[in-house]
Amino acid sequence: MGYAEFASNSYDRKRQWVAKCYPRRKNVTIWADTLASRLIIEGEKVVAVEVIGKRKKVVRARKEVLVCSGPIGSLKLLLLR
């Protein structure tokens, strides 16, 4: 038998949606119901993300891209070029 501590985004024993937990900031845009299909990399820097929602679109980043697709989805995006 062992013990492990896990970080989770839950409140009142209910799992919380990341977009609601993340603080509202003017410099952060959260896209819900959208699938990131690939990262567009120039040199060693991600400059845009290709997303599929109602239509396919390329979204360019002004400064940085934060990938939050879970342990498998984030790795998949980083491996797809």
Protein backbone atom coordinates (compact mmCIF):
# COMPACT_ATOMS: atom_id res chain seq x y z
CA MET A 1 0.00 0.00 0.00
CA GLY A 2 1.24 3.47 -0.79
CA TYR A 3 0.29 7.09 -0.93
CA ALA A 4 0.45 9.57 -3.78
CA GLU A 5 -0.62 13.18 -4.11
CA PHE A 6 -2.05 14.32 -7.43
CA ALA A 7 -2.69 17.83 -8.66
CA SER A 8 -6.19 18.25 -10.04
CA ASN A 9 -8.48 21.04 -11.05
CA SER A 10 -11.46 20.21 -8.87
CA TYR A 11 -13.66 22.17 -6.53
CA ASP A 12 -16.27 20.77 -4.18
CA ARG A 13 -15.43 17.24 -5.40
CA LYS A 14 -16.36 18.12 -8.99
CA ARG A 15 -13.92 18.32 -11.89
CA GLN A 16 -13.65 21.87 -13.20
CA TRP A 17 -13.31 22.97 -16.81
CA VAL A 18 -9.92 24.59 -17.52
CA ALA A 19 -11.45 27.65 -19.21
CA LYS A 20 -13.45 28.43 -16.07
CA CYS A 21 -10.53 27.77 -13.70
CA TYR A 22 -8.00 29.83 -15.65
CA PRO A 23 -7.97 33.46 -14.54
CA ARG A 24 -9.54 35.92 -16.98
CA ARG A 25 -6.77 37.88 -18.61
CA LYS A 26 -6.78 40.23 -21.57
CA ASN A 27 -3.71 38.62 -23.11
CA VAL A 28 -5.07 35.03 -23.04
CA THR A 29 -7.62 33.61 -25.48
CA ILE A 30 -9.23 30.25 -24.69
CA TRP A 31 -10.95 28.44 -27.55
CA ALA A 32 -13.57 25.88 -26.50
CA ASP A 33 -15.00 23.18 -28.79
CA THR A 34 -11.95 23.53 -31.04
CA LEU A 35 -9.43 20.87 -32.01
CA ALA A 36 -5.79 21.83 -32.55
CA SER A 37 -4.65 19.81 -35.55
CA ARG A 38 -1.01 20.93 -35.70
CA LEU A 39 1.51 23.48 -34.49
CA ILE A 40 3.25 25.66 -37.06
CA ILE A 41 6.92 25.92 -36.15
CA GLU A 42 9.45 28.35 -37.60
CA GLY A 43 12.97 27.53 -36.50
CA GLU A 44 12.57 26.35 -32.93
CA LYS A 45 9.54 28.49 -32.08
CA VAL A 46 5.82 27.81 -32.42
CA VAL A 47 4.33 30.79 -34.26
CA ALA A 48 0.80 29.55 -35.04
CA VAL A 49 -1.71 26.77 -34.43
CA GLU A 50 -3.93 25.16 -37.05
CA VAL A 51 -7.36 24.59 -35.49
CA ILE A 52 -10.51 22.85 -36.61
CA GLY A 53 -13.81 24.14 -35.27
CA LYS A 54 -16.65 25.03 -37.57
CA ARG A 55 -13.95 25.43 -40.22
CA LYS A 56 -10.18 24.95 -40.54
CA LYS A 57 -8.21 28.05 -39.55
CA VAL A 58 -4.62 29.08 -38.76
CA VAL A 59 -4.29 31.24 -35.64
CA ARG A 60 -1.02 33.16 -35.32
CA ALA A 61 0.44 33.91 -31.90
CA ARG A 62 1.71 37.36 -30.97
CA LYS A 63 4.04 36.13 -28.22
CA GLU A 64 3.65 32.51 -27.16
CA VAL A 65 1.50 29.39 -27.46
CA LEU A 66 0.38 27.47 -24.39
CA VAL A 67 -0.41 23.83 -25.22
CA CYS A 68 -2.91 22.24 -22.82
CA SER A 69 -4.06 19.05 -24.51
CA GLY A 70 -3.23 16.58 -21.77
CA PRO A 71 -0.24 14.24 -21.63
CA ILE A 72 -1.07 12.43 -24.88
CA GLY A 73 -2.62 15.25 -26.92
CA SER A 74 0.19 17.73 -26.17
CA LEU A 75 2.86 15.21 -27.16
CA LYS A 76 0.96 14.34 -30.33
CA LEU A 77 0.82 18.02 -31.34
CA LEU A 78 4.54 18.46 -30.69
CA LEU A 79 5.40 15.39 -32.77
CA LEU A 80 3.18 16.33 -35.75
CA ARG A 81 4.95 18.80 -38.01
